[in-house]
Each structure stands twice: as C-alpha cells, then as structure tokens.
C-alpha cells in the first residue's frame, strides 16, 4: 500500500458510498485509477467488505448487543487462534478480538433480547473447552459506532430498557 491507497482506505472507512469521481477529485487521481485501486485492495484482502452503520433503535428492529469477555487457556502451538475462529463462526457473534488485560478475548454478540444472549453464552460459549471465565456486559446505549455518532440534537439513541 502506498500513501494514495492509505488515503483512499481512510476515506472509504468514513463513507464507503462516496462515488469514484469524488474520491478521484479528493485524491487528485483519475476515477478509473480509484476503481482499480479499490479492486486491488479487495483482492489483497485489505478491504474486506462495504457495510452500513445502522441505528437499530430508529429502524424499529429491536436488537440487544452485549460484550462478552473471556478468560481462556491458550492452546499449545495455536495460542488463542483456533478457539477465537470457532467462536467467530456463530451467527450471533459480530466481532472477536484478542485483548490485553484481565481477559483474553472480547466478543461482541447480538440477539433479540437479553434472554437470548444469556442462552447463547450459557449453551455455546461457557461450555467450550479452554474457556475459564466469562463476563457478559449488556450494551444499554451506543453513543458512537464505527466512527458514526449515534446520538444527535434530537435526543435519539435511547437506552435499552431492561429488568432483572
């Protein structure tokens, strides 16, 4: 990747729907070159996919998200990789990250409600070999997602109601 590719990737991270002609003007290169660079970055796996940041509260599509922190016993010769890849295959899992600190893995999951998330953790995650401890944190309100502000002047982005 050169400096132009780096600038292009940063622009696409901010808004992947900017037309090639606008990107070309911003980068001072022809639109055809922008399109070629995007194709090359996709082929190299630098750009994995284009996606939208959706405000579920405003969409009318109720969804609960949770962060699950996991303490894991690493596997000899594979560390955390095989377990993390296994966890990543579940449809409920939005992301899996190796982290520093008290816990080893940070897993973001979604479900219809808190009971569905609790069931997923207790039936699929906690029983896995090498999982020593879990800590589940329900996300009550998102203020910013993937660089996009989720709250504005209109007071949107209400907290998720819950009860125990």
N, C-alpha and C. Protein backbone atom coordinates (compact mmCIF):
# COMPACT_ATOMS: atom_id res chain seq x y z
N UNK A 1 0.85 -1.19 0.00
CA UNK A 1 0.00 0.00 0.00
C UNK A 1 0.88 1.24 0.00
N UNK A 2 0.54 2.17 -0.86
CA UNK A 2 1.25 3.44 -0.88
C UNK A 2 0.40 4.50 -0.17
N UNK A 3 0.87 5.73 -0.18
CA UNK A 3 0.17 6.81 0.51
C UNK A 3 -1.22 7.05 -0.07
N UNK A 4 -1.37 6.90 -1.39
CA UNK A 4 -2.68 7.10 -2.01
C UNK A 4 -3.65 6.02 -1.57
N UNK A 5 -3.18 4.77 -1.50
CA UNK A 5 -4.04 3.67 -1.02
C UNK A 5 -4.47 3.94 0.42
N UNK A 6 -3.53 4.39 1.25
CA UNK A 6 -3.84 4.67 2.65
C UNK A 6 -4.90 5.75 2.75
N UNK A 7 -4.75 6.82 1.97
CA UNK A 7 -5.74 7.90 1.98
C UNK A 7 -7.09 7.40 1.48
N UNK A 8 -7.07 6.58 0.44
CA UNK A 8 -8.30 6.02 -0.12
C UNK A 8 -9.03 5.16 0.92
N UNK A 9 -8.30 4.31 1.60
CA UNK A 9 -8.90 3.44 2.62
C UNK A 9 -9.52 4.29 3.73
N UNK A 10 -8.84 5.32 4.16
CA UNK A 10 -9.39 6.18 5.23
C UNK A 10 -10.68 6.87 4.77
N UNK A 11 -10.71 7.34 3.54
CA UNK A 11 -11.93 7.95 3.01
C UNK A 11 -13.07 6.95 2.94
N UNK A 12 -12.79 5.74 2.50
CA UNK A 12 -13.82 4.71 2.41
C UNK A 12 -14.30 4.27 3.79
N UNK A 13 -13.41 4.31 4.78
CA UNK A 13 -13.83 3.98 6.15
C UNK A 13 -14.83 5.00 6.66
N UNK A 14 -14.66 6.25 6.28
CA UNK A 14 -15.57 7.30 6.71
C UNK A 14 -16.92 7.19 6.01
N UNK A 15 -16.88 6.88 4.70
CA UNK A 15 -18.12 6.76 3.93
C UNK A 15 -17.82 5.95 2.68
N UNK A 16 -18.22 4.70 2.68
CA UNK A 16 -17.91 3.82 1.56
C UNK A 16 -18.80 4.07 0.35
N UNK A 17 -19.71 5.01 0.45
CA UNK A 17 -20.59 5.31 -0.68
C UNK A 17 -20.17 6.55 -1.46
N UNK A 18 -19.00 7.11 -1.16
CA UNK A 18 -18.52 8.25 -1.94
C UNK A 18 -18.24 7.76 -3.35
N UNK A 19 -18.82 8.41 -4.36
CA UNK A 19 -18.59 7.97 -5.74
C UNK A 19 -17.10 8.08 -6.13
N UNK A 20 -16.70 7.23 -7.05
CA UNK A 20 -15.30 7.20 -7.50
C UNK A 20 -14.88 8.56 -8.04
N UNK A 21 -15.80 9.28 -8.67
CA UNK A 21 -15.44 10.59 -9.22
C UNK A 21 -15.07 11.58 -8.11
N UNK A 22 -15.82 11.53 -6.99
CA UNK A 22 -15.50 12.40 -5.85
C UNK A 22 -14.19 11.97 -5.19
N UNK A 23 -14.01 10.66 -5.02
CA UNK A 23 -12.76 10.16 -4.45
C UNK A 23 -11.58 10.59 -5.31
N UNK A 24 -11.75 10.51 -6.63
CA UNK A 24 -10.69 10.91 -7.56
C UNK A 24 -10.32 12.37 -7.36
N UNK A 25 -11.32 13.23 -7.22
CA UNK A 25 -11.05 14.65 -7.01
C UNK A 25 -10.33 14.87 -5.68
N UNK A 26 -10.74 14.15 -4.64
CA UNK A 26 -10.11 14.30 -3.32
C UNK A 26 -8.65 13.84 -3.34
N UNK A 27 -8.38 12.80 -4.14
CA UNK A 27 -7.04 12.20 -4.17
C UNK A 27 -6.18 12.71 -5.33
N UNK A 28 -6.77 13.53 -6.19
CA UNK A 28 -6.07 14.07 -7.37
C UNK A 28 -5.55 12.98 -8.29
N UNK A 29 -6.41 11.98 -8.54
CA UNK A 29 -6.08 10.90 -9.48
C UNK A 29 -7.32 10.63 -10.33
N UNK A 30 -7.19 9.98 -11.48
CA UNK A 30 -8.36 9.68 -12.31
C UNK A 30 -9.32 8.70 -11.63
N UNK A 31 -10.61 8.80 -11.94
CA UNK A 31 -11.63 7.93 -11.36
C UNK A 31 -11.35 6.46 -11.69
N UNK A 32 -10.84 6.20 -12.89
CA UNK A 32 -10.52 4.82 -13.27
C UNK A 32 -9.45 4.23 -12.34
N UNK A 33 -8.50 5.07 -11.96
CA UNK A 33 -7.44 4.61 -11.05
C UNK A 33 -8.02 4.31 -9.67
N UNK A 34 -8.98 5.13 -9.23
CA UNK A 34 -9.64 4.88 -7.94
C UNK A 34 -10.30 3.51 -7.98
N UNK A 35 -11.04 3.23 -9.04
CA UNK A 35 -11.73 1.95 -9.16
C UNK A 35 -10.75 0.78 -9.21
N UNK A 36 -9.64 0.95 -9.93
CA UNK A 36 -8.60 -0.09 -9.99
C UNK A 36 -7.99 -0.33 -8.62
N UNK A 37 -7.71 0.75 -7.91
CA UNK A 37 -7.12 0.62 -6.57
C UNK A 37 -8.08 -0.09 -5.62
N UNK A 38 -9.36 0.24 -5.69
CA UNK A 38 -10.35 -0.41 -4.82
C UNK A 38 -10.40 -1.90 -5.13
N UNK A 39 -10.44 -2.26 -6.41
CA UNK A 39 -10.46 -3.68 -6.79
C UNK A 39 -9.21 -4.39 -6.28
N UNK A 40 -8.05 -3.75 -6.41
CA UNK A 40 -6.80 -4.36 -5.95
C UNK A 40 -6.80 -4.53 -4.42
N UNK A 41 -7.29 -3.52 -3.71
CA UNK A 41 -7.34 -3.60 -2.24
C UNK A 41 -8.31 -4.71 -1.79
N UNK A 42 -9.38 -4.91 -2.55
CA UNK A 42 -10.30 -6.00 -2.24
C UNK A 42 -9.64 -7.35 -2.51
N UNK A 43 -8.94 -7.46 -3.63
CA UNK A 43 -8.27 -8.72 -3.98
C UNK A 43 -7.19 -9.08 -2.97
N UNK A 44 -6.52 -8.07 -2.41
CA UNK A 44 -5.46 -8.29 -1.41
C UNK A 44 -6.04 -8.56 -0.02
N UNK A 45 -7.34 -8.37 0.15
CA UNK A 45 -7.96 -8.59 1.46
C UNK A 45 -7.83 -7.41 2.40
N UNK A 46 -7.33 -6.27 1.89
CA UNK A 46 -7.25 -5.06 2.72
C UNK A 46 -8.66 -4.55 2.99
N UNK A 47 -9.46 -4.43 1.94
CA UNK A 47 -10.87 -4.09 2.08
C UNK A 47 -11.63 -5.41 2.09
N UNK A 48 -12.26 -5.72 3.23
CA UNK A 48 -12.97 -6.98 3.39
C UNK A 48 -14.39 -6.91 2.86
N UNK A 49 -15.07 -5.78 3.12
CA UNK A 49 -16.44 -5.60 2.66
C UNK A 49 -16.87 -4.17 2.91
N UNK A 50 -17.96 -3.77 2.25
CA UNK A 50 -18.55 -2.46 2.46
C UNK A 50 -19.81 -2.68 3.27
N UNK A 51 -20.05 -1.81 4.25
CA UNK A 51 -21.18 -2.03 5.14
C UNK A 51 -21.79 -0.70 5.57
N UNK A 52 -22.95 -0.78 6.19
CA UNK A 52 -23.64 0.40 6.70
C UNK A 52 -23.64 0.38 8.22
N UNK A 53 -23.62 1.55 8.83
CA UNK A 53 -23.80 1.67 10.28
C UNK A 53 -25.28 1.97 10.49
N UNK A 54 -25.99 1.04 11.13
CA UNK A 54 -27.44 1.14 11.29
C UNK A 54 -27.79 1.45 12.73
N UNK A 55 -28.66 2.42 12.92
CA UNK A 55 -29.17 2.74 14.25
C UNK A 55 -30.40 1.88 14.47
N UNK A 56 -30.23 0.75 15.15
CA UNK A 56 -31.31 -0.22 15.35
C UNK A 56 -32.50 0.39 16.10
N UNK A 57 -32.23 1.29 17.03
CA UNK A 57 -33.32 1.90 17.80
C UNK A 57 -34.25 2.69 16.88
N UNK A 58 -33.70 3.33 15.87
CA UNK A 58 -34.50 4.12 14.95
C UNK A 58 -35.10 3.28 13.83
N UNK A 59 -34.54 2.12 13.59
CA UNK A 59 -35.01 1.29 12.48
C UNK A 59 -36.28 0.53 12.84
N UNK A 60 -36.61 0.48 14.13
CA UNK A 60 -37.76 -0.28 14.57
C UNK A 60 -37.45 -1.76 14.71
N UNK A 61 -36.22 -2.12 14.46
CA UNK A 61 -35.78 -3.51 14.54
C UNK A 61 -35.05 -3.70 15.87
N UNK A 62 -35.77 -4.14 16.87
CA UNK A 62 -35.20 -4.28 18.21
C UNK A 62 -34.10 -5.32 18.21
N UNK A 63 -33.03 -5.00 18.89
CA UNK A 63 -31.90 -5.91 18.99
C UNK A 63 -31.10 -5.53 20.24
N UNK A 64 -30.59 -6.51 20.93
CA UNK A 64 -29.76 -6.29 22.10
C UNK A 64 -28.34 -6.73 21.75
N UNK A 65 -27.38 -5.93 22.16
CA UNK A 65 -25.98 -6.28 21.96
C UNK A 65 -25.31 -6.44 23.31
N UNK A 66 -24.29 -7.28 23.35
CA UNK A 66 -23.55 -7.50 24.59
C UNK A 66 -22.08 -7.71 24.26
N UNK A 67 -21.26 -7.34 25.21
CA UNK A 67 -19.83 -7.63 25.15
C UNK A 67 -19.58 -8.79 26.09
N UNK A 68 -18.95 -9.82 25.58
CA UNK A 68 -18.59 -10.96 26.42
C UNK A 68 -17.08 -10.98 26.51
N UNK A 69 -16.57 -10.92 27.72
CA UNK A 69 -15.13 -11.02 27.94
C UNK A 69 -14.84 -12.45 28.39
N UNK A 70 -13.79 -13.02 27.82
CA UNK A 70 -13.46 -14.41 28.10
C UNK A 70 -12.04 -14.56 28.60
N UNK A 71 -11.89 -15.33 29.68
CA UNK A 71 -10.56 -15.78 30.10
C UNK A 71 -10.39 -17.16 29.48
N UNK A 72 -9.29 -17.36 28.80
CA UNK A 72 -9.08 -18.56 28.00
C UNK A 72 -7.73 -19.18 28.33
N UNK A 73 -7.68 -20.50 28.35
CA UNK A 73 -6.40 -21.21 28.43
C UNK A 73 -5.89 -21.38 27.01
N UNK A 74 -4.76 -20.73 26.66
CA UNK A 74 -4.28 -20.85 25.28
C UNK A 74 -3.89 -22.29 24.95
N UNK A 75 -4.03 -22.63 23.68
CA UNK A 75 -3.71 -23.96 23.20
C UNK A 75 -2.26 -24.00 22.73
N UNK A 76 -1.56 -25.05 23.08
CA UNK A 76 -0.16 -25.18 22.68
C UNK A 76 -0.05 -25.15 21.15
N UNK A 77 0.88 -24.40 20.64
CA UNK A 77 1.17 -24.23 19.21
C UNK A 77 0.12 -23.42 18.45
N UNK A 78 -1.01 -23.11 19.08
CA UNK A 78 -2.05 -22.35 18.38
C UNK A 78 -2.50 -21.13 19.18
N UNK A 79 -2.09 -21.04 20.44
CA UNK A 79 -2.50 -19.90 21.25
C UNK A 79 -4.00 -19.80 21.36
N UNK A 80 -4.52 -18.62 21.01
CA UNK A 80 -5.95 -18.34 21.10
C UNK A 80 -6.66 -18.51 19.77
N UNK A 81 -5.90 -18.69 18.69
CA UNK A 81 -6.45 -18.62 17.34
C UNK A 81 -7.58 -19.60 17.05
N UNK A 82 -7.39 -20.87 17.34
CA UNK A 82 -8.43 -21.85 16.96
C UNK A 82 -9.73 -21.63 17.72
N UNK A 83 -9.64 -21.32 19.00
CA UNK A 83 -10.85 -21.05 19.78
C UNK A 83 -11.54 -19.78 19.27
N UNK A 84 -10.77 -18.74 19.01
CA UNK A 84 -11.35 -17.49 18.51
C UNK A 84 -12.03 -17.71 17.16
N UNK A 85 -11.41 -18.50 16.29
CA UNK A 85 -12.03 -18.79 14.99
C UNK A 85 -13.31 -19.59 15.16
N UNK A 86 -13.34 -20.50 16.11
CA UNK A 86 -14.55 -21.30 16.38
C UNK A 86 -15.68 -20.39 16.87
N UNK A 87 -15.36 -19.49 17.78
CA UNK A 87 -16.37 -18.56 18.31
C UNK A 87 -16.87 -17.64 17.20
N UNK A 88 -15.97 -17.20 16.33
CA UNK A 88 -16.33 -16.27 15.26
C UNK A 88 -17.34 -16.86 14.28
N UNK A 89 -17.45 -18.15 14.22
CA UNK A 89 -18.35 -18.80 13.26
C UNK A 89 -19.83 -18.72 13.65
N UNK A 90 -20.13 -18.40 14.91
CA UNK A 90 -21.53 -18.29 15.34
C UNK A 90 -22.17 -17.05 14.71
N UNK A 91 -23.41 -17.19 14.25
CA UNK A 91 -24.13 -16.07 13.64
C UNK A 91 -24.34 -14.91 14.62
N UNK A 92 -24.50 -15.21 15.88
CA UNK A 92 -24.74 -14.17 16.90
C UNK A 92 -23.52 -13.28 17.11
N UNK A 93 -22.35 -13.77 16.74
CA UNK A 93 -21.09 -13.05 17.02
C UNK A 93 -20.82 -12.03 15.93
N UNK A 94 -20.67 -10.77 16.34
CA UNK A 94 -20.36 -9.67 15.42
C UNK A 94 -18.86 -9.44 15.30
N UNK A 95 -18.11 -9.64 16.40
CA UNK A 95 -16.66 -9.49 16.34
C UNK A 95 -16.01 -10.28 17.47
N UNK A 96 -14.77 -10.67 17.24
CA UNK A 96 -13.95 -11.36 18.25
C UNK A 96 -12.57 -10.73 18.18
N UNK A 97 -12.07 -10.31 19.33
CA UNK A 97 -10.76 -9.66 19.37
C UNK A 97 -9.93 -10.23 20.52
N UNK A 98 -8.64 -10.40 20.27
CA UNK A 98 -7.68 -10.73 21.33
C UNK A 98 -7.30 -9.42 21.99
N UNK A 99 -7.38 -9.38 23.31
CA UNK A 99 -7.13 -8.13 24.04
C UNK A 99 -6.10 -8.34 25.13
N UNK A 100 -5.59 -7.24 25.65
CA UNK A 100 -4.70 -7.29 26.81
C UNK A 100 -5.52 -7.00 28.05
N UNK A 101 -4.96 -7.32 29.20
CA UNK A 101 -5.64 -7.02 30.46
C UNK A 101 -6.10 -8.27 31.17
N UNK A 102 -7.16 -8.14 31.94
CA UNK A 102 -7.67 -9.23 32.76
C UNK A 102 -8.23 -10.37 31.93
N UNK A 103 -8.87 -10.04 30.82
CA UNK A 103 -9.47 -11.05 29.95
C UNK A 103 -8.64 -11.20 28.68
N UNK A 104 -8.88 -12.29 27.95
CA UNK A 104 -8.11 -12.59 26.75
C UNK A 104 -8.85 -12.26 25.47
N UNK A 105 -10.15 -12.57 25.43
CA UNK A 105 -10.94 -12.33 24.22
C UNK A 105 -12.11 -11.41 24.53
N UNK A 106 -12.41 -10.55 23.58
CA UNK A 106 -13.53 -9.61 23.64
C UNK A 106 -14.47 -10.01 22.50
N UNK A 107 -15.69 -10.39 22.84
CA UNK A 107 -16.65 -10.89 21.85
C UNK A 107 -17.87 -9.99 21.87
N UNK A 108 -18.26 -9.46 20.72
CA UNK A 108 -19.47 -8.66 20.61
C UNK A 108 -20.54 -9.54 19.98
N UNK A 109 -21.69 -9.68 20.67
CA UNK A 109 -22.78 -10.52 20.18
C UNK A 109 -24.08 -9.72 20.13
N UNK A 110 -25.02 -10.21 19.31
CA UNK A 110 -26.34 -9.60 19.23
C UNK A 110 -27.40 -10.68 19.37
N UNK A 111 -28.58 -10.27 19.83
CA UNK A 111 -29.71 -11.18 19.97
C UNK A 111 -31.00 -10.39 20.03
N UNK A 112 -32.12 -11.10 20.00
CA UNK A 112 -33.43 -10.44 20.06
C UNK A 112 -33.69 -9.80 21.42
N UNK A 113 -33.19 -10.46 22.48
CA UNK A 113 -33.38 -9.95 23.84
C UNK A 113 -32.27 -10.48 24.73
N UNK A 114 -32.28 -10.06 25.99
CA UNK A 114 -31.22 -10.47 26.91
C UNK A 114 -31.25 -11.96 27.22
N UNK A 115 -32.44 -12.54 27.22
CA UNK A 115 -32.55 -13.97 27.48
C UNK A 115 -31.86 -14.77 26.36
N UNK A 116 -32.01 -14.31 25.13
CA UNK A 116 -31.36 -15.00 24.00
C UNK A 116 -29.84 -14.92 24.13
N UNK A 117 -29.34 -13.78 24.55
CA UNK A 117 -27.90 -13.63 24.75
C UNK A 117 -27.43 -14.52 25.90
N UNK A 118 -28.18 -14.53 26.99
CA UNK A 118 -27.82 -15.37 28.14
C UNK A 118 -27.81 -16.85 27.74
N UNK A 119 -28.79 -17.25 26.96
CA UNK A 119 -28.86 -18.64 26.49
C UNK A 119 -27.65 -18.95 25.59
N UNK A 120 -27.31 -18.04 24.70
CA UNK A 120 -26.17 -18.24 23.81
C UNK A 120 -24.87 -18.42 24.61
N UNK A 121 -24.67 -17.57 25.61
CA UNK A 121 -23.46 -17.67 26.42
C UNK A 121 -23.43 -18.97 27.20
N UNK A 122 -24.55 -19.31 27.85
CA UNK A 122 -24.57 -20.50 28.70
C UNK A 122 -24.55 -21.81 27.93
N UNK A 123 -25.12 -21.81 26.73
CA UNK A 123 -25.19 -23.06 25.96
C UNK A 123 -24.04 -23.24 24.97
N UNK A 124 -23.49 -22.15 24.47
CA UNK A 124 -22.49 -22.27 23.41
C UNK A 124 -21.09 -21.81 23.80
N UNK A 125 -20.99 -20.73 24.54
CA UNK A 125 -19.67 -20.17 24.85
C UNK A 125 -19.07 -20.76 26.12
N UNK A 126 -19.79 -20.64 27.23
CA UNK A 126 -19.25 -21.09 28.52
C UNK A 126 -18.83 -22.55 28.55
N UNK A 127 -19.56 -23.47 27.91
CA UNK A 127 -19.16 -24.88 27.97
C UNK A 127 -17.94 -25.25 27.11
N UNK A 128 -17.48 -24.35 26.27
CA UNK A 128 -16.35 -24.69 25.40
C UNK A 128 -15.10 -25.02 26.21
N UNK A 129 -14.36 -25.99 25.71
CA UNK A 129 -13.06 -26.30 26.32
C UNK A 129 -12.18 -25.07 26.22
N UNK A 130 -11.38 -24.87 27.25
CA UNK A 130 -10.41 -23.77 27.33
C UNK A 130 -11.01 -22.45 27.78
N UNK A 131 -12.35 -22.34 27.90
CA UNK A 131 -12.97 -21.14 28.46
C UNK A 131 -12.94 -21.29 29.97
N UNK A 132 -12.22 -20.39 30.64
CA UNK A 132 -12.11 -20.47 32.10
C UNK A 132 -13.10 -19.56 32.82
N UNK A 133 -13.48 -18.45 32.17
CA UNK A 133 -14.37 -17.49 32.82
C UNK A 133 -15.01 -16.60 31.77
N UNK A 134 -16.26 -16.21 32.02
CA UNK A 134 -16.95 -15.26 31.14
C UNK A 134 -17.47 -14.10 31.96
N UNK A 135 -17.54 -12.94 31.33
CA UNK A 135 -18.18 -11.76 31.92
C UNK A 135 -18.99 -11.13 30.80
N UNK A 136 -20.31 -11.03 31.01
CA UNK A 136 -21.20 -10.50 29.97
C UNK A 136 -21.69 -9.12 30.38
N UNK A 137 -21.56 -8.18 29.46
CA UNK A 137 -21.98 -6.80 29.67
C UNK A 137 -22.99 -6.43 28.60
N UNK A 138 -24.23 -6.14 29.00
CA UNK A 138 -25.26 -5.72 28.06
C UNK A 138 -25.00 -4.27 27.66
N UNK A 139 -25.06 -3.99 26.38
CA UNK A 139 -24.88 -2.62 25.90
C UNK A 139 -26.23 -1.92 26.00
N UNK A 140 -26.29 -0.90 26.82
CA UNK A 140 -27.55 -0.21 27.07
C UNK A 140 -27.80 0.92 26.09
N UNK A 141 -26.72 1.56 25.62
CA UNK A 141 -26.87 2.68 24.70
C UNK A 141 -25.56 2.87 23.95
N UNK A 142 -25.64 3.09 22.66
CA UNK A 142 -24.44 3.37 21.86
C UNK A 142 -24.40 4.85 21.53
N UNK A 143 -23.28 5.47 21.81
CA UNK A 143 -23.09 6.87 21.51
C UNK A 143 -22.36 7.07 20.18
N UNK A 144 -21.53 6.06 19.82
CA UNK A 144 -20.78 6.13 18.58
C UNK A 144 -20.49 4.71 18.13
N UNK A 145 -20.72 4.43 16.85
CA UNK A 145 -20.48 3.11 16.27
C UNK A 145 -19.65 3.27 15.00
N UNK A 146 -18.53 2.59 14.93
CA UNK A 146 -17.68 2.62 13.73
C UNK A 146 -17.45 4.04 13.22
N UNK A 147 -17.24 4.97 14.12
CA UNK A 147 -16.96 6.35 13.74
C UNK A 147 -18.19 7.21 13.53
N UNK A 148 -19.38 6.64 13.57
CA UNK A 148 -20.61 7.41 13.34
C UNK A 148 -21.28 7.71 14.68
N UNK A 149 -21.58 9.00 14.91
CA UNK A 149 -22.30 9.38 16.12
C UNK A 149 -23.70 8.81 16.07
N UNK A 150 -24.14 8.22 17.16
CA UNK A 150 -25.46 7.60 17.22
C UNK A 150 -26.46 8.46 17.98
N UNK A 151 -26.02 9.56 18.53
CA UNK A 151 -26.90 10.48 19.24
C UNK A 151 -26.75 11.85 18.60
N UNK A 152 -27.83 12.59 18.61
CA UNK A 152 -27.79 13.92 18.00
C UNK A 152 -28.58 14.89 18.81
N UNK A 153 -28.84 16.01 18.22
CA UNK A 153 -29.58 17.08 18.90
C UNK A 153 -31.01 16.70 19.22
N UNK A 154 -31.54 15.73 18.48
CA UNK A 154 -32.93 15.34 18.71
C UNK A 154 -33.08 14.38 19.89
N UNK A 155 -31.95 14.03 20.54
CA UNK A 155 -32.02 13.18 21.73
C UNK A 155 -32.21 11.72 21.41
N UNK A 156 -31.95 11.30 20.17
CA UNK A 156 -32.12 9.91 19.78
C UNK A 156 -31.15 8.98 20.50
N UNK A 157 -31.30 7.70 20.27
CA UNK A 157 -30.40 6.71 20.85
C UNK A 157 -30.72 6.39 22.29
N UNK A 158 -31.99 6.22 22.63
CA UNK A 158 -32.37 5.91 24.00
C UNK A 158 -31.74 4.63 24.49
N UNK A 159 -31.55 4.55 25.82
CA UNK A 159 -31.02 3.34 26.41
C UNK A 159 -31.98 2.18 26.26
N UNK A 160 -31.41 0.98 26.21
CA UNK A 160 -32.20 -0.25 26.12
C UNK A 160 -32.89 -0.49 27.45
N UNK A 161 -34.24 -0.59 27.48
CA UNK A 161 -34.91 -0.88 28.76
C UNK A 161 -34.61 -2.32 29.18
N UNK A 162 -34.48 -2.53 30.48
CA UNK A 162 -34.26 -3.89 30.95
C UNK A 162 -34.75 -4.04 32.38
N UNK A 163 -34.89 -5.30 32.77
CA UNK A 163 -35.25 -5.63 34.15
C UNK A 163 -34.63 -6.97 34.48
N UNK A 164 -34.45 -7.22 35.76
CA UNK A 164 -33.86 -8.49 36.19
C UNK A 164 -34.93 -9.40 36.73
